[in-house]
PDB file of N, CA and C in Angstrom:
ATOM      1  N   MET A   1     -10.927 134.501-163.954  1.00  0.00           N
ATOM      2  CA  MET A   1     -10.973 135.750-163.321  1.00  0.00           C
ATOM      3  C   MET A   1     -11.300 136.890-164.064  1.00  0.00           C
ATOM      4  N   LEU A   2     -10.533 137.047-165.215  1.00  0.00           N
ATOM      5  CA  LEU A   2     -10.754 138.162-165.929  1.00  0.00           C
ATOM      6  C   LEU A   2     -12.275 138.240-166.491  1.00  0.00           C
ATOM      7  N   LYS A   3     -12.826 137.039-166.772  1.00  0.00           N
ATOM      8  CA  LYS A   3     -13.916 137.050-167.389  1.00  0.00           C
ATOM      9  C   LYS A   3     -15.049 137.438-166.351  1.00  0.00           C
ATOM     10  N   GLN A   4     -14.858 137.275-164.949  1.00  0.00           N
ATOM     11  CA  GLN A   4     -15.750 137.412-163.948  1.00  0.00           C
ATOM     12  C   GLN A   4     -15.957 139.138-163.796  1.00  0.00           C
ATOM     13  N   ILE A   5     -14.488 139.889-163.899  1.00  0.00           N
ATOM     14  CA  ILE A   5     -14.440 141.154-163.568  1.00  0.00           C
ATOM     15  C   ILE A   5     -14.919 142.098-164.804  1.00  0.00           C
ATOM     16  N   VAL A   6     -14.950 141.599-165.932  1.00  0.00           N
ATOM     17  CA  VAL A   6     -15.738 141.983-167.005  1.00  0.00           C
ATOM     18  C   VAL A   6     -17.268 142.069-167.001  1.00  0.00           C
ATOM     19  N   SER A   7     -17.655 140.788-166.409  1.00  0.00           N
ATOM     20  CA  SER A   7     -19.099 140.610-166.133  1.00  0.00           C
ATOM     21  C   SER A   7     -19.747 141.625-165.050  1.00  0.00           C
ATOM     22  N   ILE A   8     -18.775 141.696-163.974  1.00  0.00           N
ATOM     23  CA  ILE A   8     -19.330 142.574-163.175  1.00  0.00           C
ATOM     24  C   ILE A   8     -19.360 143.913-163.476  1.00  0.00           C
ATOM     25  N   PHE A   9     -18.104 144.459-164.428  1.00  0.00           N
ATOM     26  CA  PHE A   9     -18.260 145.617-164.845  1.00  0.00           C
ATOM     27  C   PHE A   9     -19.480 145.845-165.722  1.00  0.00           C
ATOM     28  N   MET A  10     -19.776 145.106-166.587  1.00  0.00           N
ATOM     29  CA  MET A  10     -20.740 145.379-167.606  1.00  0.00           C
ATOM     30  C   MET A  10     -22.038 145.334-166.666  1.00  0.00           C
ATOM     31  N   LEU A  11     -22.302 144.611-165.826  1.00  0.00           N
ATOM     32  CA  LEU A  11     -23.453 144.675-164.918  1.00  0.00           C
ATOM     33  C   LEU A  11     -23.665 145.897-164.040  1.00  0.00           C
ATOM     34  N   PHE A  12     -22.708 146.635-163.637  1.00  0.00           N
ATOM     35  CA  PHE A  12     -22.543 147.868-163.016  1.00  0.00           C
ATOM     36  C   PHE A  12     -22.849 149.241-164.188  1.00  0.00           C
ATOM     37  N   LEU A  13     -22.220 148.659-165.375  1.00  0.00           N
ATOM     38  CA  LEU A  13     -22.570 149.840-166.644  1.00  0.00           C
ATOM     39  C   LEU A  13     -24.044 149.743-166.876  1.00  0.00           C
ATOM     40  N   ILE A  14     -24.665 148.820-166.985  1.00  0.00           N
ATOM     41  CA  ILE A  14     -26.045 148.592-167.348  1.00  0.00           C
ATOM     42  C   ILE A  14     -26.936 149.225-166.440  1.00  0.00           C
ATOM     43  N   ILE A  15     -26.533 148.727-165.176  1.00  0.00           N
ATOM     44  CA  ILE A  15     -27.418 149.388-164.057  1.00  0.00           C
ATOM     45  C   ILE A  15     -27.253 150.976-164.038  1.00  0.00           C
ATOM     46  N   GLY A  16     -26.118 151.654-164.230  1.00  0.00           N
ATOM     47  CA  GLY A  16     -25.796 152.864-164.203  1.00  0.00           C
ATOM     48  C   GLY A  16     -26.758 153.784-165.323  1.00  0.00           C
ATOM     49  N   ILE A  17     -26.554 153.071-166.590  1.00  0.00           N
ATOM     50  CA  ILE A  17     -27.300 153.576-167.729  1.00  0.00           C
ATOM     51  C   ILE A  17     -28.850 153.506-167.325  1.00  0.00           C
ATOM     52  N   THR A  18     -29.135 152.619-167.073  1.00  0.00           N
ATOM     53  CA  THR A  18     -30.752 152.304-166.796  1.00  0.00           C
ATOM     54  C   THR A  18     -31.209 153.349-165.849  1.00  0.00           C
ATOM     55  N   ALA A  19     -30.384 153.526-164.639  1.00  0.00           N
ATOM     56  CA  ALA A  19     -30.865 154.424-163.532  1.00  0.00           C
ATOM     57  C   ALA A  19     -30.812 155.978-163.910  1.00  0.00           C
ATOM     58  N   SER A  20     -29.534 156.120-164.629  1.00  0.00           N
ATOM     59  CA  SER A  20     -29.488 157.611-165.302  1.00  0.00           C
ATOM     60  C   SER A  20     -30.647 158.005-166.201  1.00  0.00           C
ATOM     61  N   CYS A  21     -31.188 156.950-167.008  1.00  0.00           N
ATOM     62  CA  CYS A  21     -32.248 157.533-167.899  1.00  0.00           C
ATOM     63  C   CYS A  21     -33.511 157.573-167.576  1.00  0.00           C
ATOM     64  N   SER A  22     -33.811 157.038-166.342  1.00  0.00           N
ATOM     65  CA  SER A  22     -35.071 156.954-165.843  1.00  0.00           C
ATOM     66  C   SER A  22     -35.470 158.037-164.572  1.00  0.00           C
ATOM     67  N   LYS A  23     -34.338 158.763-164.380  1.00  0.00           N
ATOM     68  CA  LYS A  23     -34.503 160.061-163.611  1.00  0.00           C
ATOM     69  C   LYS A  23     -35.070 161.146-164.202  1.00  0.00           C
ATOM     70  N   LYS A  24     -36.287 161.492-163.653  1.00  0.00           N
ATOM     71  CA  LYS A  24     -37.032 162.789-163.969  1.00  0.00           C
ATOM     72  C   LYS A  24     -36.664 163.901-163.128  1.00  0.00           C
ATOM     73  N   LYS A  25     -36.512 165.098-163.837  1.00  0.00           N
ATOM     74  CA  LYS A  25     -36.068 166.147-162.622  1.00  0.00           C
ATOM     75  C   LYS A  25     -37.517 166.991-162.544  1.00  0.00           C
ATOM     76  N   SER A  26     -37.543 167.787-161.158  1.00  0.00           N
ATOM     77  CA  SER A  26     -38.714 168.543-160.753  1.00  0.00           C
ATOM     78  C   SER A  26     -38.524 169.853-161.601  1.00  0.00           C
ATOM     79  N   GLY A  27     -39.906 170.102-162.028  1.00  0.00           N
ATOM     80  CA  GLY A  27     -39.840 171.477-162.520  1.00  0.00           C
ATOM     81  C   GLY A  27     -39.996 171.127-164.200  1.00  0.00           C
ATOM     82  N   PHE A  28     -39.968 169.790-164.717  1.00  0.00           N
ATOM     83  CA  PHE A  28     -39.885 169.685-165.903  1.00  0.00           C
ATOM     84  C   PHE A  28     -41.371 169.103-166.655  1.00  0.00           C
ATOM     85  N   CYS A  29     -41.374 169.457-167.716  1.00  0.00           N
ATOM     86  CA  CYS A  29     -42.857 168.782-168.150  1.00  0.00           C
ATOM     87  C   CYS A  29     -42.528 167.918-169.194  1.00  0.00           C
ATOM     88  N   TYR A  30     -43.062 166.589-168.994  1.00  0.00           N
ATOM     89  CA  TYR A  30     -42.781 165.465-169.970  1.00  0.00           C
ATOM     90  C   TYR A  30     -43.850 165.041-170.621  1.00  0.00           C
ATOM     91  N   CYS A  31     -43.669 165.089-172.058  1.00  0.00           N
ATOM     92  CA  CYS A  31     -44.962 164.726-172.823  1.00  0.00           C
ATOM     93  C   CYS A  31     -44.422 163.289-173.948  1.00  0.00           C
ATOM     94  N   SER A  32     -45.360 162.826-174.203  1.00  0.00           N
ATOM     95  CA  SER A  32     -45.434 161.459-174.867  1.00  0.00           C
ATOM     96  C   SER A  32     -46.236 161.356-175.722  1.00  0.00           C
ATOM     97  N   TYR A  33     -46.142 160.872-176.763  1.00  0.00           N
ATOM     98  CA  TYR A  33     -47.023 160.825-177.811  1.00  0.00           C
ATOM     99  C   TYR A  33     -47.429 159.422-178.340  1.00  0.00           C
ATOM    100  N   TYR A  34     -48.289 159.283-179.143  1.00  0.00           N
ATOM    101  CA  TYR A  34     -48.744 157.875-179.493  1.00  0.00           C
ATOM    102  C   TYR A  34     -47.741 156.976-180.311  1.00  0.00           C
ATOM    103  N   GLY A  35     -47.009 157.858-181.019  1.00  0.00           N
ATOM    104  CA  GLY A  35     -45.767 157.353-182.070  1.00  0.00           C
ATOM    105  C   GLY A  35     -44.598 156.760-181.307  1.00  0.00           C
ATOM    106  N   GLY A  36     -44.603 157.137-179.865  1.00  0.00           N
ATOM    107  CA  GLY A  36     -43.311 156.944-179.187  1.00  0.00           C
ATOM    108  C   GLY A  36     -42.523 158.245-178.978  1.00  0.00           C
ATOM    109  N   ASN A  37     -42.798 159.099-179.699  1.00  0.00           N
ATOM    110  CA  ASN A  37     -41.982 160.491-179.524  1.00  0.00           C
ATOM    111  C   ASN A  37     -42.266 160.936-178.184  1.00  0.00           C
ATOM    112  N   ARG A  38     -40.980 161.756-177.700  1.00  0.00           N
ATOM    113  CA  ARG A  38     -41.110 162.037-176.287  1.00  0.00           C
ATOM    114  C   ARG A  38     -40.440 163.492-176.346  1.00  0.00           C
ATOM    115  N   THR A  39     -40.852 164.714-175.643  1.00  0.00           N
ATOM    116  CA  THR A  39     -40.600 166.123-175.674  1.00  0.00           C
ATOM    117  C   THR A  39     -40.503 166.370-173.960  1.00  0.00           C
ATOM    118  N   VAL A  40     -39.327 166.987-173.732  1.00  0.00           N
ATOM    119  CA  VAL A  40     -39.136 167.514-172.325  1.00  0.00           C
ATOM    120  C   VAL A  40     -39.207 168.975-172.587  1.00  0.00           C
ATOM    121  N   TYR A  41     -39.900 169.808-171.500  1.00  0.00           N
ATOM    122  CA  TYR A  41     -39.888 171.265-171.439  1.00  0.00           C
ATOM    123  C   TYR A  41     -39.577 171.633-169.996  1.00  0.00           C
ATOM    124  N   ASP A  42     -38.593 172.654-170.000  1.00  0.00           N
ATOM    125  CA  ASP A  42     -37.917 173.176-168.682  1.00  0.00           C
ATOM    126  C   ASP A  42     -38.755 174.025-168.149  1.00  0.00           C
ATOM    127  N   LEU A  43     -39.544 174.019-167.214  1.00  0.00           N
ATOM    128  CA  LEU A  43     -40.291 175.124-166.469  1.00  0.00           C
ATOM    129  C   LEU A  43     -39.770 175.668-165.168  1.00  0.00           C
ATOM    130  N   ASN A  44     -38.686 175.445-165.045  1.00  0.00           N
ATOM    131  CA  ASN A  44     -37.970 175.706-163.714  1.00  0.00           C
ATOM    132  C   ASN A  44     -37.871 177.248-163.364  1.00  0.00           C
ATOM    133  N   GLY A  45     -37.900 178.043-164.475  1.00  0.00           N
ATOM    134  CA  GLY A  45     -37.975 179.668-164.433  1.00  0.00           C
ATOM    135  C   GLY A  45     -39.169 180.084-164.124  1.00  0.00           C
ATOM    136  N   LEU A  46     -40.192 179.457-163.897  1.00  0.00           N
ATOM    137  CA  LEU A  46     -41.489 179.744-163.627  1.00  0.00           C
ATOM    138  C   LEU A  46     -41.981 179.416-162.277  1.00  0.00           C
ATOM    139  N   GLU A  47     -42.816 180.264-161.773  1.00  0.00           N
ATOM    140  CA  GLU A  47     -43.794 179.832-160.351  1.00  0.00           C
ATOM    141  C   GLU A  47     -44.268 178.564-160.398  1.00  0.00           C
ATOM    142  N   ARG A  48     -44.452 177.989-159.506  1.00  0.00           N
ATOM    143  CA  ARG A  48     -44.811 176.694-159.142  1.00  0.00           C
ATOM    144  C   ARG A  48     -46.515 176.691-160.118  1.00  0.00           C
ATOM    145  N   GLN A  49     -47.162 177.619-159.847  1.00  0.00           N
ATOM    146  CA  GLN A  49     -48.553 177.518-160.343  1.00  0.00           C
ATOM    147  C   GLN A  49     -48.654 177.970-162.201  1.00  0.00           C
ATOM    148  N   LYS A  50     -47.425 178.569-162.655  1.00  0.00           N
ATOM    149  CA  LYS A  50     -47.294 178.796-163.713  1.00  0.00           C
ATOM    150  C   LYS A  50     -46.830 177.499-164.543  1.00  0.00           C
ATOM    151  N   GLN A  51     -45.950 176.883-163.853  1.00  0.00           N
ATOM    152  CA  GLN A  51     -45.474 175.465-164.228  1.00  0.00           C
ATOM    153  C   GLN A  51     -46.687 174.297-164.509  1.00  0.00           C
ATOM    154  N   VAL A  52     -47.413 174.296-163.513  1.00  0.00           N
ATOM    155  CA  VAL A  52     -48.780 173.670-163.706  1.00  0.00           C
ATOM    156  C   VAL A  52     -49.669 174.046-164.793  1.00  0.00           C
ATOM    157  N   ASP A  53     -50.032 175.199-164.845  1.00  0.00           N
ATOM    158  CA  ASP A  53     -50.724 176.013-165.837  1.00  0.00           C
ATOM    159  C   ASP A  53     -50.116 175.680-167.428  1.00  0.00           C
ATOM    160  N   SER A  54     -48.995 175.808-167.428  1.00  0.00           N
ATOM    161  CA  SER A  54     -48.158 175.776-168.625  1.00  0.00           C
ATOM    162  C   SER A  54     -47.963 174.461-169.266  1.00  0.00           C
ATOM    163  N   CYS A  55     -47.798 173.352-167.999  1.00  0.00           N
ATOM    164  CA  CYS A  55     -47.700 172.115-168.624  1.00  0.00           C
ATOM    165  C   CYS A  55     -49.192 171.505-168.925  1.00  0.00           C
ATOM    166  N   ASN A  56     -50.282 171.910-168.287  1.00  0.00           N
ATOM    167  CA  ASN A  56     -51.682 171.393-168.544  1.00  0.00           C
ATOM    168  C   ASN A  56     -51.958 172.143-170.212  1.00  0.00           C
ATOM    169  N   ARG A  57     -51.363 173.399-170.385  1.00  0.00           N
ATOM    170  CA  ARG A  57     -51.750 173.687-171.836  1.00  0.00           C
ATOM    171  C   ARG A  57     -51.046 172.883-172.684  1.00  0.00           C
ATOM    172  N   LEU A  58     -49.689 172.648-172.463  1.00  0.00           N
ATOM    173  CA  LEU A  58     -48.867 171.682-173.441  1.00  0.00           C
ATOM    174  C   LEU A  58     -49.581 170.452-173.519  1.00  0.00           C
ATOM    175  N   SER A  59     -50.249 169.876-172.623  1.00  0.00           N
ATOM    176  CA  SER A  59     -50.993 168.727-172.445  1.00  0.00           C
ATOM    177  C   SER A  59     -52.250 168.785-173.463  1.00  0.00           C
ATOM    178  N   GLU A  60     -52.900 169.924-173.169  1.00  0.00           N
ATOM    179  CA  GLU A  60     -54.063 170.095-174.165  1.00  0.00           C
ATOM    180  C   GLU A  60     -53.598 170.076-175.721  1.00  0.00           C
ATOM    181  N   LEU A  61     -52.336 170.644-176.091  1.00  0.00           N
ATOM    182  CA  LEU A  61     -51.842 170.833-177.251  1.00  0.00           C
ATOM    183  C   LEU A  61     -51.465 169.519-177.768  1.00  0.00           C
ATOM    184  N   ALA A  62     -50.927 168.740-177.196  1.00  0.00           N
ATOM    185  CA  ALA A  62     -50.171 167.223-177.483  1.00  0.00           C
ATOM    186  C   ALA A  62     -51.562 166.366-177.575  1.00  0.00           C
ATOM    187  N   SER A  63     -52.730 166.552-176.926  1.00  0.00           N
ATOM    188  CA  SER A  63     -53.610 165.764-177.248  1.00  0.00           C
ATOM    189  C   SER A  63     -54.335 165.958-178.606  1.00  0.00           C
ATOM    190  N   GLY A  64     -53.956 166.908-179.340  1.00  0.00           N
ATOM    191  CA  GLY A  64     -54.256 166.912-180.950  1.00  0.00           C
ATOM    192  C   GLY A  64     -53.240 166.003-181.489  1.00  0.00           C
ATOM    193  N   PHE A  65     -52.391 165.509-181.035  1.00  0.00           N
ATOM    194  CA  PHE A  65     -51.426 164.416-181.428  1.00  0.00           C
ATOM    195  C   PHE A  65     -51.329 163.119-180.908  1.00  0.00           C
ATOM    196  N   ALA A  66     -52.536 162.992-180.202  1.00  0.00           N
ATOM    197  CA  ALA A  66     -52.695 161.611-179.061  1.00  0.00           C
ATOM    198  C   ALA A  66     -51.455 161.593-178.470  1.00  0.00           C
ATOM    199  N   GLY A  67     -51.074 162.555-177.660  1.00  0.00           N
ATOM    200  CA  GLY A  67     -50.177 162.621-176.636  1.00  0.00           C
ATOM    201  C   GLY A  67     -50.823 163.294-175.328  1.00  0.00           C
ATOM    202  N   SER A  68     -50.061 163.483-174.414  1.00  0.00           N
ATOM    203  CA  SER A  68     -50.093 163.815-172.850  1.00  0.00           C
ATOM    204  C   SER A  68     -49.032 164.370-172.371  1.00  0.00           C
ATOM    205  N   CYS A  69     -49.005 165.311-171.350  1.00  0.00           N
ATOM    206  CA  CYS A  69     -47.979 165.842-170.588  1.00  0.00           C
ATOM    207  C   CYS A  69     -48.289 165.691-169.125  1.00  0.00           C
ATOM    208  N   LYS A  70     -47.148 165.367-168.295  1.00  0.00           N
ATOM    209  CA  LYS A  70     -47.083 165.458-166.869  1.00  0.00           C
ATOM    210  C   LYS A  70     -46.071 166.128-166.457  1.00  0.00           C
ATOM    211  N   LEU A  71     -46.402 167.158-165.430  1.00  0.00           N
ATOM    212  CA  LEU A  71     -45.492 167.742-164.666  1.00  0.00           C
ATOM    213  C   LEU A  71     -44.750 167.221-163.470  1.00  0.00           C
ATOM    214  N   LYS A  72     -43.359 166.986-163.490  1.00  0.00           N
ATOM    215  CA  LYS A  72     -42.811 166.165-162.372  1.00  0.00           C
ATOM    216  C   LYS A  72     -42.685 167.113-161.483  1.00  0.00           C
ATOM    217  N   LYS A  73     -43.247 166.807-160.162  1.00  0.00           N
ATOM    218  CA  LYS A  73     -43.176 167.788-159.138  1.00  0.00           C
ATOM    219  C   LYS A  73     -41.944 167.769-157.946  1.00  0.00           C
TER     220      LYS A  73
END
């Protein structure tokens, strides 16, 4: 019985960790690079068009390092 409870708890823990890591927030620019590095830029303080322009500029800069950026809408 204890083994089943521990197994169920571990399953919920793994699901919770996986779900929390995969959530992307709106207004953030997510960049990833060839080497596996990732960066996140908070653009919430800007107007929507400025968010788009800023993330596009970050993507241009990241392309020099084999990377790209995308804005979460």
